[in-house]
Amino acid sequence: MPKTVVRAVIAGQRKLSNDVYELVFAAPEIARQAVPGQFVHVRVSEPDSADPLLRRPLSIADVDRQHNTVSVIYRVVGRGTARLAKLQAQENIDCLGPLGRGFTLRGERPLLIGGGMGIAPLQYLAKKLCPRPVEILLGGRTREEMFWQDMFASICQDIHITTDDGSLGQRGVAPDVLPDLLEQKSFDMIYCCGPHPMLVSVAKIAQGINIPCQVSLEEYMACGIGACLSCTCAAKDGSRKKICTDGPVFWAGEVI
C-alpha cells in the first residue's frame, strides 16, 4: 500500500477530557487508503524547525471518506503533543500515512477490548465491523476518562466498562470481567488494544477458550517505516518483528 506525505489542513480540534484531544484533518490520499488499526506519523515541529526532530505516531481513530478527513485522538504527554494541541482549524500539519498493518475483519460476533488511549483505533474498527453486532469492553482509571462511552454509543450494541477506582462500571481492569462476559455471550473474535499487561491477559484468556484474537501493540516508533528498528519486539517463532511495519496489529499467537 503506498504511503503518502501530505500537507493536511486541519478541519477541527476539540478537547475530550483534561488532557485528551481529537484532531480532524483533511487528507484525501490517506482517507482513501486507511484501514482500521493503521496509524499516521505527524510532524510536530514548528515550520522551518527540526525541534522536536521526530514525528509522533498516532492511531487513526476514524475516517470520513465522504469529507476526506482523518481523525486522531491523543493525550498531551510532552512538548510535541502540547504543540499539537495548540493547532487550530485551517492550520496545516505534515502527515505521513497510512502506516502499518491493520486489523483483519472477521467473525460474526466480535468483541472489542480497549484500555486507556488504546481505545482510540477501535472506533474506526467498530464502524467497519458494522452491521455485525459489535460489543466493546472499555477500561480506564476513572469516570472522567470514560468519554469514550459517548463515542461508541451509536456504534456498539452493548458497552461494558471497568474503572480502576470503581467510579463507573465495574471496579477493576478489563481482563477481570472478561471470563464472565465470554461465558455469557457467544463471541467468535476478539480485538484488543491497550497496555501490554492487558494484552497479555486478554490473549491468554482468549487462547484458553480458542477464540481468535488480534492485538495492537503500542510502542514509540521513531521512523514509522521500518528503517530505524527502534520498535522491534520478540515474536513467538524467535524472530524480531517491526511493530511499525509488521504490525502494529498482530495475531495474538505471533507475539504473546
C-alpha atoms as a PDB file:
ATOM      1  CA  MET A   1       0.000   0.000   0.000  1.00  0.00           C
ATOM      2  CA  PRO A   2       1.562   3.367  -0.958  1.00  0.00           C
ATOM      3  CA  LYS A   3       2.478   5.749   1.817  1.00  0.00           C
ATOM      4  CA  THR A   4       1.792   9.421   1.355  1.00  0.00           C
ATOM      5  CA  VAL A   5       3.268  12.573   2.869  1.00  0.00           C
ATOM      6  CA  VAL A   6       0.631  15.284   2.811  1.00  0.00           C
ATOM      7  CA  ARG A   7       0.288  18.855   3.949  1.00  0.00           C
ATOM      8  CA  ALA A   8      -3.083  18.354   5.577  1.00  0.00           C
ATOM      9  CA  VAL A   9      -5.483  21.139   6.502  1.00  0.00           C
ATOM     10  CA  ILE A  10      -6.912  20.896   9.997  1.00  0.00           C
ATOM     11  CA  ALA A  11     -10.697  20.708   9.900  1.00  0.00           C
ATOM     12  CA  GLY A  12     -11.137  20.962  13.647  1.00  0.00           C
ATOM     13  CA  GLN A  13      -9.830  20.108  17.071  1.00  0.00           C
ATOM     14  CA  ARG A  14     -11.747  19.515  20.301  1.00  0.00           C
ATOM     15  CA  LYS A  15     -10.858  18.724  23.859  1.00  0.00           C
ATOM     16  CA  LEU A  16     -12.322  15.405  25.024  1.00  0.00           C
ATOM     17  CA  SER A  17     -11.057  15.438  28.603  1.00  0.00           C
ATOM     18  CA  ASN A  18      -8.487  17.182  30.760  1.00  0.00           C
ATOM     19  CA  ASP A  19      -5.531  16.216  28.567  1.00  0.00           C
ATOM     20  CA  VAL A  20      -7.012  14.303  25.607  1.00  0.00           C
ATOM     21  CA  TYR A  21      -7.817  15.863  22.233  1.00  0.00           C
ATOM     22  CA  GLU A  22      -9.362  14.815  18.934  1.00  0.00           C
ATOM     23  CA  LEU A  23      -7.758  16.293  15.819  1.00  0.00           C
ATOM     24  CA  VAL A  24      -9.530  16.079  12.460  1.00  0.00           C
ATOM     25  CA  PHE A  25      -7.704  16.941   9.260  1.00  0.00           C
ATOM     26  CA  ALA A  26      -8.395  16.765   5.554  1.00  0.00           C
ATOM     27  CA  ALA A  27      -6.160  14.205   3.866  1.00  0.00           C
ATOM     28  CA  PRO A  28      -7.927  12.619   0.868  1.00  0.00           C
ATOM     29  CA  GLU A  29      -4.986  10.380  -0.081  1.00  0.00           C
ATOM     30  CA  ILE A  30      -4.766   8.903   3.417  1.00  0.00           C
ATOM     31  CA  ALA A  31      -8.543   8.709   3.912  1.00  0.00           C
ATOM     32  CA  ARG A  32      -8.940   6.675   0.721  1.00  0.00           C
ATOM     33  CA  GLN A  33      -6.403   4.045   1.775  1.00  0.00           C
ATOM     34  CA  ALA A  34      -6.608   3.796   5.570  1.00  0.00           C
ATOM     35  CA  VAL A  35      -7.925   0.638   7.212  1.00  0.00           C
ATOM     36  CA  PRO A  36      -8.702   0.195  10.939  1.00  0.00           C
ATOM     37  CA  GLY A  37      -5.600  -0.334  13.059  1.00  0.00           C
ATOM     38  CA  GLN A  38      -3.232   1.714  10.921  1.00  0.00           C
ATOM     39  CA  PHE A  39      -1.562   4.903  12.100  1.00  0.00           C
ATOM     40  CA  VAL A  40      -0.166   8.184  10.821  1.00  0.00           C
ATOM     41  CA  HIS A  41       3.140   9.858  11.619  1.00  0.00           C
ATOM     42  CA  VAL A  42       2.695  13.551  12.318  1.00  0.00           C
ATOM     43  CA  ARG A  43       5.416  16.182  12.291  1.00  0.00           C
ATOM     44  CA  VAL A  44       5.016  18.323  15.406  1.00  0.00           C
ATOM     45  CA  SER A  45       7.871  20.796  15.000  1.00  0.00           C
ATOM     46  CA  GLU A  46       7.357  24.422  14.048  1.00  0.00           C
ATOM     47  CA  PRO A  47       7.680  25.288  10.338  1.00  0.00           C
ATOM     48  CA  ASP A  48      11.350  25.714   9.365  1.00  0.00           C
ATOM     49  CA  SER A  49      12.404  23.996  12.597  1.00  0.00           C
ATOM     50  CA  ALA A  50      13.592  20.477  13.368  1.00  0.00           C
ATOM     51  CA  ASP A  51      12.718  20.604  17.051  1.00  0.00           C
ATOM     52  CA  PRO A  52      11.249  18.217  18.097  1.00  0.00           C
ATOM     53  CA  LEU A  53      13.073  16.145  15.491  1.00  0.00           C
ATOM     54  CA  LEU A  54      10.920  13.036  15.436  1.00  0.00           C
ATOM     55  CA  ARG A  55       7.357  12.701  14.228  1.00  0.00           C
ATOM     56  CA  ARG A  56       4.673  11.346  16.549  1.00  0.00           C
ATOM     57  CA  PRO A  57       2.843   8.085  15.728  1.00  0.00           C
ATOM     58  CA  LEU A  58      -0.916   8.483  16.214  1.00  0.00           C
ATOM     59  CA  SER A  59      -3.546   5.782  15.700  1.00  0.00           C
ATOM     60  CA  ILE A  60      -6.222   6.505  13.144  1.00  0.00           C
ATOM     61  CA  ALA A  61      -9.375   6.839  15.239  1.00  0.00           C
ATOM     62  CA  ASP A  62     -11.791   7.453  12.399  1.00  0.00           C
ATOM     63  CA  VAL A  63     -12.042   8.135   8.675  1.00  0.00           C
ATOM     64  CA  ASP A  64     -14.767  10.065   6.873  1.00  0.00           C
ATOM     65  CA  ARG A  65     -14.422   9.204   3.189  1.00  0.00           C
ATOM     66  CA  GLN A  66     -17.313  11.469   2.232  1.00  0.00           C
ATOM     67  CA  HIS A  67     -15.414  14.502   3.508  1.00  0.00           C
ATOM     68  CA  ASN A  68     -11.906  13.017   3.024  1.00  0.00           C
ATOM     69  CA  THR A  69     -10.957  13.561   6.660  1.00  0.00           C
ATOM     70  CA  VAL A  70      -8.930  11.534   9.150  1.00  0.00           C
ATOM     71  CA  SER A  71      -9.299  11.727  12.946  1.00  0.00           C
ATOM     72  CA  VAL A  72      -6.695  11.033  15.588  1.00  0.00           C
ATOM     73  CA  ILE A  73      -7.128  11.068  19.366  1.00  0.00           C
ATOM     74  CA  TYR A  74      -4.094  11.763  21.535  1.00  0.00           C
ATOM     75  CA  ARG A  75      -3.078  12.591  25.075  1.00  0.00           C
ATOM     76  CA  VAL A  76      -0.776  15.534  25.775  1.00  0.00           C
ATOM     77  CA  VAL A  77       2.347  13.984  27.285  1.00  0.00           C
ATOM     78  CA  GLY A  78       5.212  16.220  26.155  1.00  0.00           C
ATOM     79  CA  ARG A  79       6.363  19.138  24.033  1.00  0.00           C
ATOM     80  CA  GLY A  80       5.281  17.603  20.739  1.00  0.00           C
ATOM     81  CA  THR A  81       1.728  16.766  21.701  1.00  0.00           C
ATOM     82  CA  ALA A  82       1.450  20.056  23.623  1.00  0.00           C
ATOM     83  CA  ARG A  83       2.226  21.915  20.408  1.00  0.00           C
ATOM     84  CA  LEU A  84      -0.216  19.715  18.511  1.00  0.00           C
ATOM     85  CA  ALA A  85      -2.949  20.677  20.976  1.00  0.00           C
ATOM     86  CA  LYS A  86      -2.480  24.372  20.161  1.00  0.00           C
ATOM     87  CA  LEU A  87      -3.172  23.976  16.450  1.00  0.00           C
ATOM     88  CA  GLN A  88      -6.465  25.309  15.165  1.00  0.00           C
ATOM     89  CA  ALA A  89      -8.742  24.858  12.163  1.00  0.00           C
ATOM     90  CA  GLN A  90      -7.289  25.916   8.803  1.00  0.00           C
ATOM     91  CA  GLU A  91      -3.700  25.472  10.003  1.00  0.00           C
ATOM     92  CA  ASN A  92      -1.576  22.796   8.310  1.00  0.00           C
ATOM     93  CA  ILE A  93       0.137  19.668   9.552  1.00  0.00           C
ATOM     94  CA  ASP A  94       2.703  17.488   7.810  1.00  0.00           C
ATOM     95  CA  CYS A  95       1.391  13.938   7.931  1.00  0.00           C
ATOM     96  CA  LEU A  96       2.796  10.591   6.678  1.00  0.00           C
ATOM     97  CA  GLY A  97       0.468   7.628   6.240  1.00  0.00           C
ATOM     98  CA  PRO A  98      -1.358   5.409   6.357  1.00  0.00           C
ATOM     99  CA  LEU A  99       1.276   3.229   8.011  1.00  0.00           C
ATOM    100  CA  GLY A 100       1.394  -0.280   9.429  1.00  0.00           C
ATOM    101  CA  ARG A 101      -0.750  -3.382   9.197  1.00  0.00           C
ATOM    102  CA  GLY A 102      -4.356  -3.029  10.322  1.00  0.00           C
ATOM    103  CA  PHE A 103      -6.934  -5.389  11.758  1.00  0.00           C
ATOM    104  CA  THR A 104      -8.264  -8.361   9.809  1.00  0.00           C
ATOM    105  CA  LEU A 105     -12.050  -8.119   9.812  1.00  0.00           C
ATOM    106  CA  ARG A 106     -13.620 -11.497  10.565  1.00  0.00           C
ATOM    107  CA  GLY A 107     -16.117 -13.117  12.881  1.00  0.00           C
ATOM    108  CA  GLU A 108     -19.858 -12.579  13.217  1.00  0.00           C
ATOM    109  CA  ARG A 109     -19.892 -11.668  16.924  1.00  0.00           C
ATOM    110  CA  PRO A 110     -16.797  -9.564  17.571  1.00  0.00           C
ATOM    111  CA  LEU A 111     -15.797  -8.238  20.977  1.00  0.00           C
ATOM    112  CA  LEU A 112     -13.545  -5.183  21.091  1.00  0.00           C
ATOM    113  CA  ILE A 113     -11.448  -4.559  24.203  1.00  0.00           C
ATOM    114  CA  GLY A 114      -9.629  -1.310  24.822  1.00  0.00           C
ATOM    115  CA  GLY A 115      -7.721   0.255  27.674  1.00  0.00           C
ATOM    116  CA  GLY A 116      -6.625   3.869  28.090  1.00  0.00           C
ATOM    117  CA  MET A 117      -5.574   5.569  24.856  1.00  0.00           C
ATOM    118  CA  GLY A 118      -5.574   2.129  23.231  1.00  0.00           C
ATOM    119  CA  ILE A 119      -9.296   2.622  22.763  1.00  0.00           C
ATOM    120  CA  ALA A 120      -8.698   5.190  20.010  1.00  0.00           C
ATOM    121  CA  PRO A 121      -8.231   2.869  16.969  1.00  0.00           C
ATOM    122  CA  LEU A 122     -11.220   0.753  17.996  1.00  0.00           C
ATOM    123  CA  GLN A 123     -13.696   3.444  16.956  1.00  0.00           C
ATOM    124  CA  TYR A 124     -12.871   3.097  13.244  1.00  0.00           C
ATOM    125  CA  LEU A 125     -12.730  -0.694  13.636  1.00  0.00           C
ATOM    126  CA  ALA A 126     -16.180  -0.809  15.248  1.00  0.00           C
ATOM    127  CA  LYS A 127     -17.661   1.208  12.383  1.00  0.00           C
ATOM    128  CA  LYS A 128     -16.119  -1.069   9.759  1.00  0.00           C
ATOM    129  CA  LEU A 129     -17.404  -4.173  11.530  1.00  0.00           C
ATOM    130  CA  CYS A 130     -20.999  -2.923  11.431  1.00  0.00           C
ATOM    131  CA  PRO A 131     -23.678  -4.092  10.723  1.00  0.00           C
ATOM    132  CA  ARG A 132     -22.338  -7.035  12.684  1.00  0.00           C
ATOM    133  CA  PRO A 133     -23.394  -6.776  16.358  1.00  0.00           C
ATOM    134  CA  VAL A 134     -20.312  -5.171  17.895  1.00  0.00           C
ATOM    135  CA  GLU A 135     -19.782  -5.067  21.652  1.00  0.00           C
ATOM    136  CA  ILE A 136     -16.942  -3.317  23.418  1.00  0.00           C
ATOM    137  CA  LEU A 137     -15.260  -3.612  26.796  1.00  0.00           C
ATOM    138  CA  LEU A 138     -13.687  -0.313  27.855  1.00  0.00           C
ATOM    139  CA  GLY A 139     -11.159   0.023  30.672  1.00  0.00           C
ATOM    140  CA  GLY A 140      -9.970   3.256  32.263  1.00  0.00           C
ATOM    141  CA  ARG A 141      -8.762   4.710  35.514  1.00  0.00           C
ATOM    142  CA  THR A 142     -11.720   6.952  36.368  1.00  0.00           C
ATOM    143  CA  ARG A 143     -15.176   8.072  35.209  1.00  0.00           C
ATOM    144  CA  GLU A 144     -13.598  11.223  33.758  1.00  0.00           C
ATOM    145  CA  GLU A 145     -11.629   9.094  31.286  1.00  0.00           C
ATOM    146  CA  MET A 146     -14.737   7.326  30.029  1.00  0.00           C
ATOM    147  CA  PHE A 147     -15.757   9.991  27.492  1.00  0.00           C
ATOM    148  CA  TRP A 148     -15.303   7.074  25.123  1.00  0.00           C
ATOM    149  CA  GLN A 149     -18.697   5.776  26.153  1.00  0.00           C
ATOM    150  CA  ASP A 150     -20.468   8.511  24.197  1.00  0.00           C
ATOM    151  CA  MET A 151     -18.288   7.932  21.140  1.00  0.00           C
ATOM    152  CA  PHE A 152     -19.232   4.260  20.932  1.00  0.00           C
ATOM    153  CA  ALA A 153     -22.887   4.621  21.938  1.00  0.00           C
ATOM    154  CA  SER A 154     -24.212   4.788  18.385  1.00  0.00           C
ATOM    155  CA  ILE A 155     -21.872   2.116  17.024  1.00  0.00           C
ATOM    156  CA  CYS A 156     -21.911  -0.731  19.520  1.00  0.00           C
ATOM    157  CA  GLN A 157     -24.764  -2.987  20.528  1.00  0.00           C
ATOM    158  CA  ASP A 158     -23.527  -3.090  24.121  1.00  0.00           C
ATOM    159  CA  ILE A 159     -20.796  -1.287  26.077  1.00  0.00           C
ATOM    160  CA  HIS A 160     -19.120  -2.813  29.129  1.00  0.00           C
ATOM    161  CA  ILE A 161     -16.977  -0.614  31.374  1.00  0.00           C
ATOM    162  CA  THR A 162     -14.399  -1.070  34.107  1.00  0.00           C
ATOM    163  CA  THR A 163     -12.610   1.668  36.034  1.00  0.00           C
ATOM    164  CA  ASP A 164      -9.709   1.284  38.426  1.00  0.00           C
ATOM    165  CA  ASP A 165     -11.479   3.289  41.145  1.00  0.00           C
ATOM    166  CA  GLY A 166     -14.971   1.911  40.514  1.00  0.00           C
ATOM    167  CA  SER A 167     -16.379   5.361  39.699  1.00  0.00           C
ATOM    168  CA  LEU A 168     -18.069   3.950  36.577  1.00  0.00           C
ATOM    169  CA  GLY A 169     -18.885   0.378  35.639  1.00  0.00           C
ATOM    170  CA  GLN A 170     -17.212  -2.459  37.493  1.00  0.00           C
ATOM    171  CA  ARG A 171     -14.190  -1.768  39.681  1.00  0.00           C
ATOM    172  CA  GLY A 172     -11.020  -3.313  38.284  1.00  0.00           C
ATOM    173  CA  VAL A 173      -9.475  -3.789  34.861  1.00  0.00           C
ATOM    174  CA  ALA A 174     -10.958  -5.171  31.673  1.00  0.00           C
ATOM    175  CA  PRO A 175      -9.499  -8.698  31.946  1.00  0.00           C
ATOM    176  CA  ASP A 176     -11.181  -9.056  35.365  1.00  0.00           C
ATOM    177  CA  VAL A 177     -14.646  -9.164  33.809  1.00  0.00           C
ATOM    178  CA  LEU A 178     -13.716 -10.848  30.536  1.00  0.00           C
ATOM    179  CA  PRO A 179     -14.174 -14.517  31.601  1.00  0.00           C
ATOM    180  CA  ASP A 180     -17.763 -13.901  32.759  1.00  0.00           C
ATOM    181  CA  LEU A 181     -18.541 -11.874  29.649  1.00  0.00           C
ATOM    182  CA  LEU A 182     -17.256 -14.623  27.371  1.00  0.00           C
ATOM    183  CA  GLU A 183     -19.283 -17.197  29.272  1.00  0.00           C
ATOM    184  CA  GLN A 184     -22.484 -15.171  28.945  1.00  0.00           C
ATOM    185  CA  LYS A 185     -22.199 -14.401  25.231  1.00  0.00           C
ATOM    186  CA  SER A 186     -21.008 -16.264  22.153  1.00  0.00           C
ATOM    187  CA  PHE A 187     -18.256 -14.045  20.793  1.00  0.00           C
ATOM    188  CA  ASP A 188     -16.216 -15.527  17.969  1.00  0.00           C
ATOM    189  CA  MET A 189     -13.497 -12.885  17.576  1.00  0.00           C
ATOM    190  CA  ILE A 190     -11.612 -10.563  19.937  1.00  0.00           C
ATOM    191  CA  TYR A 191      -9.775  -7.368  19.026  1.00  0.00           C
ATOM    192  CA  CYS A 192      -7.685  -5.754  21.737  1.00  0.00           C
ATOM    193  CA  CYS A 193      -5.614  -2.585  22.112  1.00  0.00           C
ATOM    194  CA  GLY A 194      -4.163  -1.040  25.253  1.00  0.00           C
ATOM    195  CA  PRO A 195      -1.435  -1.506  27.861  1.00  0.00           C
ATOM    196  CA  HIS A 196       0.788  -4.552  27.340  1.00  0.00           C
ATOM    197  CA  PRO A 197      -0.232  -6.334  30.583  1.00  0.00           C
ATOM    198  CA  MET A 198      -3.855  -6.093  29.449  1.00  0.00           C
ATOM    199  CA  LEU A 199      -3.000  -7.520  26.028  1.00  0.00           C
ATOM    200  CA  VAL A 200      -1.207 -10.438  27.658  1.00  0.00           C
ATOM    201  CA  SER A 201      -4.119 -11.212  29.976  1.00  0.00           C
ATOM    202  CA  VAL A 202      -6.717 -10.953  27.210  1.00  0.00           C
ATOM    203  CA  ALA A 203      -4.645 -13.079  24.805  1.00  0.00           C
ATOM    204  CA  LYS A 204      -4.253 -15.838  27.399  1.00  0.00           C
ATOM    205  CA  ILE A 205      -7.970 -15.869  28.206  1.00  0.00           C
ATOM    206  CA  ALA A 206      -8.847 -15.978  24.502  1.00  0.00           C
ATOM    207  CA  GLN A 207      -6.353 -18.742  23.860  1.00  0.00           C
ATOM    208  CA  GLY A 208      -7.784 -20.752  26.753  1.00  0.00           C
ATOM    209  CA  ILE A 209     -11.194 -20.970  25.102  1.00  0.00           C
ATOM    210  CA  ASN A 210      -9.966 -20.966  21.470  1.00  0.00           C
ATOM    211  CA  ILE A 211     -11.312 -17.596  20.375  1.00  0.00           C
ATOM    212  CA  PRO A 212      -9.170 -15.907  17.702  1.00  0.00           C
ATOM    213  CA  CYS A 213      -7.625 -12.716  18.997  1.00  0.00           C
ATOM    214  CA  GLN A 214      -5.797  -9.827  17.388  1.00  0.00           C
ATOM    215  CA  VAL A 215      -3.800  -7.348  19.438  1.00  0.00           C
ATOM    216  CA  SER A 216      -2.475  -3.906  18.544  1.00  0.00           C
ATOM    217  CA  LEU A 217       0.884  -3.196  20.143  1.00  0.00           C
ATOM    218  CA  GLU A 218       1.736   0.281  21.373  1.00  0.00           C
ATOM    219  CA  GLU A 219       5.355   1.325  21.026  1.00  0.00           C
ATOM    220  CA  TYR A 220       7.216   4.507  20.254  1.00  0.00           C
ATOM    221  CA  MET A 221       8.109   4.474  16.560  1.00  0.00           C
ATOM    222  CA  ALA A 222      10.883   6.840  15.554  1.00  0.00           C
ATOM    223  CA  CYS A 223      10.663   6.480  11.769  1.00  0.00           C
ATOM    224  CA  GLY A 224       7.378   4.595  11.266  1.00  0.00           C
ATOM    225  CA  ILE A 225       8.571   2.886   8.090  1.00  0.00           C
ATOM    226  CA  GLY A 226      10.759   0.050   9.355  1.00  0.00           C
ATOM    227  CA  ALA A 227      14.129   1.723   8.860  1.00  0.00           C
ATOM    228  CA  CYS A 228      15.360   2.585  12.359  1.00  0.00           C
ATOM    229  CA  LEU A 229      14.408  -0.674  14.167  1.00  0.00           C
ATOM    230  CA  SER A 230      13.509   1.269  17.321  1.00  0.00           C
ATOM    231  CA  CYS A 231      10.191  -0.536  17.766  1.00  0.00           C
ATOM    232  CA  THR A 232      11.082  -4.199  17.310  1.00  0.00           C
ATOM    233  CA  CYS A 233       9.639  -6.886  19.565  1.00  0.00           C
ATOM    234  CA  ALA A 234      10.283 -10.580  20.045  1.00  0.00           C
ATOM    235  CA  ALA A 235       7.952 -12.938  18.177  1.00  0.00           C
ATOM    236  CA  LYS A 236       6.976 -16.406  19.366  1.00  0.00           C
ATOM    237  CA  ASP A 237       8.892 -18.002  16.485  1.00  0.00           C
ATOM    238  CA  GLY A 238      12.154 -16.436  17.679  1.00  0.00           C
ATOM    239  CA  SER A 239      12.251 -13.691  15.072  1.00  0.00           C
ATOM    240  CA  ARG A 240      12.122  -9.948  15.662  1.00  0.00           C
ATOM    241  CA  LYS A 241       9.056  -8.081  14.426  1.00  0.00           C
ATOM    242  CA  LYS A 242       8.984  -4.410  13.489  1.00  0.00           C
ATOM    243  CA  ILE A 243       5.845  -3.061  15.134  1.00  0.00           C
ATOM    244  CA  CYS A 244       5.610  -0.172  12.673  1.00  0.00           C
ATOM    245  CA  THR A 245       5.559  -2.309   9.516  1.00  0.00           C
ATOM    246  CA  ASP A 246       4.870  -5.933  10.594  1.00  0.00           C
ATOM    247  CA  GLY A 247       2.205  -4.530  12.962  1.00  0.00           C
ATOM    248  CA  PRO A 248       1.031  -2.710  14.970  1.00  0.00           C
ATOM    249  CA  VAL A 249      -1.722  -5.329  14.677  1.00  0.00           C
ATOM    250  CA  PHE A 250      -0.708  -8.973  15.144  1.00  0.00           C
ATOM    251  CA  TRP A 251      -2.490 -12.225  15.772  1.00  0.00           C
ATOM    252  CA  ALA A 252      -2.009 -12.710  19.494  1.00  0.00           C
ATOM    253  CA  GLY A 253      -0.190 -16.010  18.969  1.00  0.00           C
ATOM    254  CA  GLU A 254       2.503 -14.265  16.929  1.00  0.00           C
ATOM    255  CA  VAL A 255       3.797 -12.053  19.716  1.00  0.00           C
ATOM    256  CA  ILE A 256       2.210 -13.128  23.028  1.00  0.00           C
END
